[in-house]
Amino acid sequence: MVVRHQDRSVRCVSRDARLGGIPPTSPGRKASLPVPASLVVHTPAKLNVYLEVCDRRPDGFHTLETVMVSIGLYDSLLFRRIGTEDVRLTCRHARAPAEAQAATDIPLFNGTDNLVVRAATLLRQRTASRQGVEITLVKRIPIQAGLGGGSSDAAATLIALNQLWNLRLPSPVLHEMAAELGSDVNFFLDSPMAARCRGRGEQVQPFRLPRRLHAVVVCPPSGLATADVFREWSRSAVASSADLVHQGAITQQRCGQPSVSQFVSTMQQQRGMGSDVLPIRNDLEAPARRLNRDVDAALGALRRLSHGPVGMSGSGTACFTLCQTATQSRRLASRLRLSQGGQVFAVTGRA
């Protein structure tokens, strides 16, 4: 995540810098950096290269085991302090209106349902702050695509307003709020190169990769709501369990691994990146394909043209393939743009 204030640009490299952009302070100590009047944050997307759906939790959510990587596809947010107590949000596509409409059927939301507004509101509630902010969100990460754009924007809001409003909240407090906002927000607070995530995604264990990941991402013009995909997964899981009971062969698969551990180990080997050695897994792919034919078409196009592993990110509809080099990913993206609707991106993993 890149934070810019006034005429300075800061790439957040340390944990404390990422979580608020200022050094840690004690309650009686003033921050060492001046509080800016405005901030610009460029916040990344992610790919789920492994996603296992486990048991259903008492709170209604499912326990997940997932491996996520940050990729160089960014939304931009401008935060500006204002003299009222309002939280104002304006959203727009980075593309021209006609071009954006051709690329996606999904509208942008400026209201209280937007995770950016929810993050700002939660900060105000927890700190009793009466400060206001005007936020401009420029969208480049496709919506309802499983790329984590909304969660990334929410994490950027927590980080930026912690600094802009001079709240000086420590990392654990921000992570508690992130877990309330959504499953992937904790991952984006730190924006690691890659991480194994558990629970709803709030338990984040970063790890390093031997080199940058290169990928091509295909985003159909249509989207999928995460809740709809999980409902379809639950429905099919119940049906499968009923068949197994009828056959007298029901077994319980232990959630946890070694499978995800083995996957991480393969990723950390040089040969595992961009080759068929890497066993991409996403338990939500099958229900997403049943709900949206665009997912099936995107996966089919990638498998016809790519020599690397192919998968779907999150709950869809974005699909991807891993490549050996940036040149390979750019060439493949150019070929796919000739045949695919929606948007096609050649992306690189973040260092």
Protein backbone atom coordinates (compact mmCIF):
# COMPACT_ATOMS: atom_id res chain seq x y z
CA MET A 1 0.00 0.00 0.00
CA VAL A 2 1.39 3.41 -0.97
CA VAL A 3 0.49 6.50 1.08
CA ARG A 4 1.10 9.98 -0.27
CA HIS A 5 0.66 13.14 1.78
CA GLN A 6 1.26 16.60 0.43
CA ASP A 7 4.29 16.33 -1.87
CA ARG A 8 5.86 13.26 -0.21
CA SER A 9 5.44 9.65 -1.28
CA VAL A 10 5.90 6.89 1.27
CA ARG A 11 5.87 3.21 0.39
CA CYS A 12 4.87 1.45 3.58
CA VAL A 13 7.55 -1.10 4.28
CA SER A 14 7.46 -1.62 8.04
CA ARG A 15 4.46 -2.88 9.95
CA ASP A 16 4.14 0.31 11.97
CA ALA A 17 4.35 2.45 8.84
CA ARG A 18 1.62 0.45 7.17
CA LEU A 19 -0.64 0.76 10.17
CA GLY A 20 -1.10 4.49 10.21
CA GLY A 21 2.02 5.86 8.53
CA ILE A 22 3.52 7.19 11.81
CA PRO A 23 5.87 5.71 14.41
CA PRO A 24 4.28 4.06 17.47
CA THR A 25 3.46 6.56 20.18
CA SER A 26 2.56 6.36 23.83
CA PRO A 27 -0.63 8.15 24.99
CA GLY A 28 1.36 11.09 26.38
CA ARG A 29 3.68 11.50 23.44
CA LYS A 30 3.00 13.54 20.34
CA ALA A 31 3.38 12.01 16.90
CA SER A 32 6.71 12.82 15.27
CA LEU A 33 5.15 13.60 11.88
CA PRO A 34 2.80 16.53 11.20
CA VAL A 35 -0.83 15.69 10.58
CA PRO A 36 -1.52 16.28 6.87
CA ALA A 37 -4.62 18.01 5.51
CA SER A 38 -5.04 15.33 2.85
CA LEU A 39 -3.77 11.88 1.96
CA VAL A 40 -3.72 9.76 -1.20
CA VAL A 41 -3.60 5.99 -0.76
CA HIS A 42 -3.07 3.47 -3.57
CA THR A 43 -4.38 0.14 -2.35
CA PRO A 44 -3.86 -3.25 -4.07
CA ALA A 45 -5.98 -6.18 -5.18
CA LYS A 46 -5.35 -9.83 -4.27
CA LEU A 47 -5.61 -13.28 -5.75
CA ASN A 48 -6.68 -16.39 -3.85
CA VAL A 49 -4.39 -19.08 -5.21
CA TYR A 50 -5.73 -21.59 -2.67
CA LEU A 51 -9.15 -21.54 -0.99
CA GLU A 52 -10.63 -24.34 1.08
CA VAL A 53 -14.09 -24.00 2.63
CA CYS A 54 -14.33 -25.85 5.93
CA ASP A 55 -16.99 -26.07 8.61
CA ARG A 56 -19.76 -23.56 9.26
CA ARG A 57 -19.17 -21.42 12.36
CA PRO A 58 -21.78 -20.51 15.02
CA ASP A 59 -21.85 -16.93 13.65
CA GLY A 60 -23.03 -18.23 10.27
CA PHE A 61 -19.72 -17.71 8.45
CA HIS A 62 -17.56 -20.53 7.14
CA THR A 63 -14.08 -21.30 8.36
CA LEU A 64 -11.61 -20.81 5.51
CA GLU A 65 -8.07 -21.87 4.74
CA THR A 66 -6.75 -19.62 1.99
CA VAL A 67 -3.51 -18.39 0.49
CA MET A 68 -3.60 -14.84 -0.85
CA VAL A 69 -1.07 -12.81 -2.81
CA SER A 70 -1.06 -9.03 -3.31
CA ILE A 71 -1.00 -7.91 -6.94
CA GLY A 72 -0.19 -4.62 -8.62
CA LEU A 73 -3.71 -3.59 -9.53
CA TYR A 74 -4.72 -0.56 -7.47
CA ASP A 75 -7.65 1.57 -6.41
CA SER A 76 -6.81 5.17 -5.42
CA LEU A 77 -8.39 7.05 -2.53
CA LEU A 78 -8.07 10.75 -1.75
CA PHE A 79 -8.86 11.67 1.86
CA ARG A 80 -9.38 15.36 2.67
CA ARG A 81 -10.21 16.79 6.09
CA ILE A 82 -13.27 19.04 6.13
CA GLY A 83 -14.72 21.44 8.69
CA THR A 84 -17.94 19.49 9.30
CA GLU A 85 -18.62 16.13 10.94
CA ASP A 86 -19.75 14.52 7.68
CA VAL A 87 -18.26 11.48 5.97
CA ARG A 88 -18.67 12.14 2.25
CA LEU A 89 -17.80 9.58 -0.40
CA THR A 90 -17.64 10.01 -4.16
CA CYS A 91 -16.86 6.97 -6.33
CA ARG A 92 -15.90 6.90 -9.98
CA HIS A 93 -14.23 4.56 -12.42
CA ALA A 94 -10.73 5.36 -13.57
CA ARG A 95 -11.92 4.73 -17.12
CA ALA A 96 -14.11 7.08 -19.14
CA PRO A 97 -17.84 6.51 -18.40
CA ALA A 98 -18.61 4.86 -21.76
CA GLU A 99 -15.58 2.59 -21.52
CA ALA A 100 -16.37 1.65 -17.91
CA GLN A 101 -19.97 0.82 -18.81
CA ALA A 102 -18.77 -1.47 -21.61
CA ALA A 103 -16.38 -3.27 -19.23
CA THR A 104 -18.81 -3.99 -16.36
CA ASP A 105 -22.54 -4.22 -15.66
CA ILE A 106 -22.09 -3.47 -11.94
CA PRO A 107 -22.81 0.04 -10.59
CA LEU A 108 -20.69 1.86 -8.00
CA PHE A 109 -22.15 2.56 -4.56
CA ASN A 110 -21.56 5.85 -2.76
CA GLY A 111 -23.81 5.26 0.25
CA THR A 112 -23.56 3.76 3.72
CA ASP A 113 -23.31 0.21 2.34
CA ASN A 114 -19.88 1.00 0.89
CA LEU A 115 -17.12 -0.51 3.03
CA VAL A 116 -15.20 2.78 2.92
CA VAL A 117 -18.06 4.61 4.66
CA ARG A 118 -18.52 1.72 7.10
CA ALA A 119 -14.81 1.82 8.00
CA ALA A 120 -14.88 5.58 8.60
CA THR A 121 -18.06 5.29 10.66
CA LEU A 122 -16.61 2.50 12.77
CA LEU A 123 -13.50 4.59 13.50
CA ARG A 124 -15.66 7.52 14.63
CA GLN A 125 -17.77 5.28 16.86
CA ARG A 126 -14.77 3.63 18.54
CA THR A 127 -12.87 6.86 19.14
CA ALA A 128 -15.77 9.29 19.66
CA SER A 129 -14.14 11.44 17.00
CA ARG A 130 -16.26 14.24 15.56
CA GLN A 131 -13.95 14.97 12.65
CA GLY A 132 -15.17 14.86 9.08
CA VAL A 133 -13.67 13.71 5.83
CA GLU A 134 -14.29 13.93 2.12
CA ILE A 135 -13.23 10.77 0.28
CA THR A 136 -12.82 10.32 -3.46
CA LEU A 137 -12.47 6.70 -4.55
CA VAL A 138 -11.15 5.96 -8.03
CA LYS A 139 -11.92 2.34 -8.93
CA ARG A 140 -9.58 0.22 -11.03
CA ILE A 141 -10.14 -3.08 -9.21
CA PRO A 142 -13.29 -4.70 -10.67
CA ILE A 143 -16.30 -5.02 -8.37
CA GLN A 144 -17.82 -8.36 -7.26
CA ALA A 145 -14.88 -10.15 -8.83
CA GLY A 146 -13.20 -11.83 -5.84
CA LEU A 147 -10.19 -9.51 -6.00
CA GLY A 148 -10.78 -7.87 -2.62
CA GLY A 149 -11.24 -4.31 -3.87
CA GLY A 150 -13.82 -3.35 -1.25
CA SER A 151 -11.80 -4.89 1.58
CA SER A 152 -8.63 -3.18 0.35
CA ASP A 153 -10.43 0.18 0.23
CA ALA A 154 -11.70 -0.37 3.79
CA ALA A 155 -8.18 -1.13 5.04
CA ALA A 156 -6.90 2.02 3.31
CA THR A 157 -9.61 4.02 5.07
CA LEU A 158 -8.59 2.71 8.52
CA ILE A 159 -4.93 3.49 7.82
CA ALA A 160 -5.50 6.93 6.29
CA LEU A 161 -8.01 8.23 8.84
CA ASN A 162 -5.91 6.96 11.73
CA GLN A 163 -3.27 9.36 10.47
CA LEU A 164 -5.46 12.14 9.07
CA TRP A 165 -7.51 12.39 12.28
CA ASN A 166 -4.39 11.89 14.45
CA LEU A 167 -6.05 9.01 16.32
CA ARG A 168 -2.81 7.10 16.95
CA LEU A 169 -4.56 3.75 17.25
CA PRO A 170 -2.15 0.80 17.56
CA SER A 171 -2.03 -2.17 15.23
CA PRO A 172 -4.12 -4.59 17.36
CA VAL A 173 -7.01 -2.12 17.58
CA LEU A 174 -7.03 -1.56 13.82
CA HIS A 175 -6.98 -5.32 13.26
CA GLU A 176 -9.96 -5.78 15.60
CA MET A 177 -11.95 -3.26 13.56
CA ALA A 178 -10.77 -4.82 10.30
CA ALA A 179 -12.13 -8.21 11.40
CA GLU A 180 -15.54 -6.61 12.02
CA LEU A 181 -15.63 -5.03 8.58
CA GLY A 182 -14.92 -8.05 6.40
CA SER A 183 -13.04 -11.26 5.85
CA ASP A 184 -10.11 -9.90 3.84
CA VAL A 185 -9.59 -6.49 5.46
CA ASN A 186 -6.94 -7.78 7.89
CA PHE A 187 -4.82 -9.04 4.99
CA PHE A 188 -4.83 -5.60 3.36
CA LEU A 189 -3.89 -3.75 6.54
CA ASP A 190 -0.41 -5.22 6.20
CA SER A 191 -0.49 -5.91 2.43
CA PRO A 192 2.12 -8.69 2.58
CA MET A 193 3.62 -10.24 -0.53
CA ALA A 194 1.71 -13.44 0.30
CA ALA A 195 -0.06 -14.86 3.33
CA ARG A 196 -1.85 -17.91 4.61
CA CYS A 197 -5.15 -16.79 6.12
CA ARG A 198 -7.46 -18.72 8.44
CA GLY A 199 -10.81 -18.33 10.14
CA ARG A 200 -12.87 -15.85 8.13
CA GLY A 201 -9.56 -14.59 6.76
CA GLU A 202 -8.72 -12.47 9.81
CA GLN A 203 -5.85 -14.71 10.97
CA VAL A 204 -2.99 -13.67 8.71
CA GLN A 205 0.36 -15.46 8.52
CA PRO A 206 2.61 -13.68 5.96
CA PHE A 207 5.36 -15.50 4.09
CA ARG A 208 7.90 -14.60 1.43
CA LEU A 209 8.06 -15.88 -2.13
CA PRO A 210 11.32 -16.62 -3.95
CA ARG A 211 10.41 -14.20 -6.74
CA ARG A 212 7.61 -12.01 -7.98
CA LEU A 213 4.44 -13.69 -9.17
CA HIS A 214 3.24 -12.94 -12.72
CA ALA A 215 -0.37 -13.51 -13.73
CA VAL A 216 -3.11 -12.68 -16.19
CA VAL A 217 -6.51 -11.86 -14.68
CA VAL A 218 -9.74 -12.05 -16.69
CA CYS A 219 -12.72 -10.20 -15.18
CA PRO A 220 -16.08 -10.85 -16.90
CA PRO A 221 -18.51 -7.90 -17.14
CA SER A 222 -20.88 -9.61 -14.69
CA GLY A 223 -20.25 -10.16 -10.99
CA LEU A 224 -21.23 -12.50 -8.19
CA ALA A 225 -22.29 -11.70 -4.64
CA THR A 226 -20.18 -13.62 -2.12
CA ALA A 227 -23.25 -14.61 -0.07
CA ASP A 228 -24.91 -16.17 -3.14
CA VAL A 229 -21.84 -18.28 -3.92
CA PHE A 230 -21.56 -19.56 -0.34
CA ARG A 231 -25.28 -20.43 -0.32
CA GLU A 232 -24.81 -22.43 -3.50
CA TRP A 233 -21.74 -24.14 -2.02
CA SER A 234 -23.74 -25.04 1.14
CA ARG A 235 -26.63 -26.38 -0.94
CA SER A 236 -24.34 -28.62 -2.99
CA ALA A 237 -22.41 -29.71 0.11
CA VAL A 238 -25.67 -30.82 1.79
CA ALA A 239 -26.66 -32.75 -1.33
CA SER A 240 -23.26 -34.45 -1.49
CA SER A 241 -23.47 -35.40 2.19
CA ALA A 242 -26.90 -36.92 1.64
CA ASP A 243 -25.55 -39.07 -1.19
CA LEU A 244 -22.66 -40.26 0.99
CA VAL A 245 -25.03 -41.15 3.85
CA HIS A 246 -27.18 -43.12 1.42
CA GLN A 247 -24.10 -45.05 0.31
CA GLY A 248 -22.99 -45.59 3.90
CA ALA A 249 -19.65 -43.97 3.16
CA ILE A 250 -19.76 -40.63 4.91
CA THR A 251 -16.43 -39.43 6.22
CA GLN A 252 -15.24 -36.32 7.90
CA GLN A 253 -12.45 -34.42 6.26
CA ARG A 254 -10.27 -32.68 8.81
CA CYS A 255 -10.19 -28.93 8.21
CA GLY A 256 -6.66 -27.73 8.31
CA GLN A 257 -3.98 -29.27 6.50
CA PRO A 258 -1.33 -30.74 5.55
CA SER A 259 -2.70 -29.73 2.10
CA VAL A 260 -2.43 -25.96 2.55
CA SER A 261 0.97 -26.33 4.20
CA GLN A 262 2.15 -28.37 1.25
CA PHE A 263 0.77 -25.74 -1.11
CA VAL A 264 2.68 -22.95 0.67
CA SER A 265 5.84 -25.06 0.60
CA THR A 266 5.45 -25.54 -3.17
CA MET A 267 4.94 -21.81 -3.68
CA GLN A 268 8.13 -21.09 -1.83
CA GLN A 269 10.09 -23.29 -4.21
CA GLN A 270 11.34 -21.64 -7.39
CA ARG A 271 9.79 -24.31 -9.60
CA GLY A 272 6.35 -23.85 -8.10
CA MET A 273 5.62 -20.38 -9.49
CA GLY A 274 3.84 -20.26 -12.85
CA SER A 275 4.06 -24.01 -13.48
CA ASP A 276 1.56 -26.84 -13.33
CA VAL A 277 3.40 -28.09 -10.24
CA LEU A 278 1.34 -25.55 -8.24
CA PRO A 279 -2.04 -27.18 -7.47
CA ILE A 280 -4.47 -24.24 -7.57
CA ARG A 281 -7.56 -24.95 -5.48
CA ASN A 282 -10.78 -23.03 -4.94
CA ASP A 283 -13.79 -24.81 -3.42
CA LEU A 284 -16.04 -21.95 -4.56
CA GLU A 285 -15.23 -22.39 -8.24
CA ALA A 286 -17.86 -25.06 -8.92
CA PRO A 287 -20.78 -23.15 -7.35
CA ALA A 288 -19.64 -19.94 -9.06
CA ARG A 289 -19.62 -21.70 -12.43
CA ARG A 290 -23.16 -22.95 -11.82
CA LEU A 291 -24.36 -19.44 -10.97
CA ASN A 292 -22.57 -17.53 -13.71
CA ARG A 293 -21.68 -18.82 -17.18
CA ASP A 294 -19.12 -16.05 -17.62
CA VAL A 295 -16.89 -17.79 -15.07
CA ASP A 296 -16.94 -21.00 -17.09
CA ALA A 297 -16.14 -19.08 -20.28
CA ALA A 298 -13.22 -17.21 -18.67
CA LEU A 299 -11.72 -20.39 -17.22
CA GLY A 300 -12.11 -22.15 -20.56
CA ALA A 301 -10.34 -19.36 -22.45
CA LEU A 302 -7.46 -19.33 -19.96
CA ARG A 303 -7.02 -23.11 -20.10
CA ARG A 304 -6.95 -23.08 -23.91
CA LEU A 305 -4.27 -20.41 -24.17
CA SER A 306 -2.18 -20.76 -21.00
CA HIS A 307 0.44 -23.32 -20.07
CA GLY A 308 0.34 -22.38 -16.38
CA PRO A 309 -2.08 -23.21 -13.56
CA VAL A 310 -5.57 -21.68 -13.89
CA GLY A 311 -8.05 -20.81 -11.17
CA MET A 312 -10.72 -18.45 -9.87
CA SER A 313 -10.09 -15.84 -7.18
CA GLY A 314 -12.29 -15.65 -4.09
CA SER A 315 -15.96 -16.10 -4.85
CA GLY A 316 -15.49 -14.95 -8.46
CA THR A 317 -15.97 -13.85 -11.09
CA ALA A 318 -12.30 -13.00 -11.75
CA CYS A 319 -10.24 -15.90 -13.11
CA PHE A 320 -6.49 -16.03 -13.55
CA THR A 321 -3.50 -17.97 -14.76
CA LEU A 322 0.05 -17.83 -13.44
CA CYS A 323 2.90 -17.13 -15.86
CA GLN A 324 6.66 -17.60 -15.70
CA THR A 325 7.60 -14.05 -16.72
CA ALA A 326 6.10 -10.56 -17.10
CA THR A 327 6.66 -10.76 -20.87
CA GLN A 328 4.68 -13.99 -21.04
CA SER A 329 1.80 -12.47 -19.05
CA ARG A 330 1.66 -9.35 -21.26
CA ARG A 331 1.57 -11.41 -24.45
CA LEU A 332 -1.13 -13.70 -23.12
CA ALA A 333 -3.21 -10.72 -21.93
CA SER A 334 -3.01 -9.18 -25.42
CA ARG A 335 -4.34 -12.39 -26.98
CA LEU A 336 -7.17 -12.68 -24.45
CA ARG A 337 -8.31 -9.09 -24.99
CA LEU A 338 -9.13 -9.99 -28.59
CA SER A 339 -11.62 -12.67 -27.55
CA GLN A 340 -12.88 -11.89 -24.06
CA GLY A 341 -15.50 -9.45 -22.82
CA GLY A 342 -14.96 -7.54 -19.61
CA GLN A 343 -11.42 -6.64 -18.56
CA VAL A 344 -8.07 -8.38 -18.89
CA PHE A 345 -5.04 -7.43 -16.77
CA ALA A 346 -1.41 -8.50 -16.86
CA VAL A 347 -0.33 -8.15 -13.23
CA THR A 348 2.75 -8.66 -11.09
CA GLY A 349 2.85 -9.68 -7.46
CA ARG A 350 3.99 -7.05 -5.01
CA ALA A 351 7.45 -7.24 -3.44
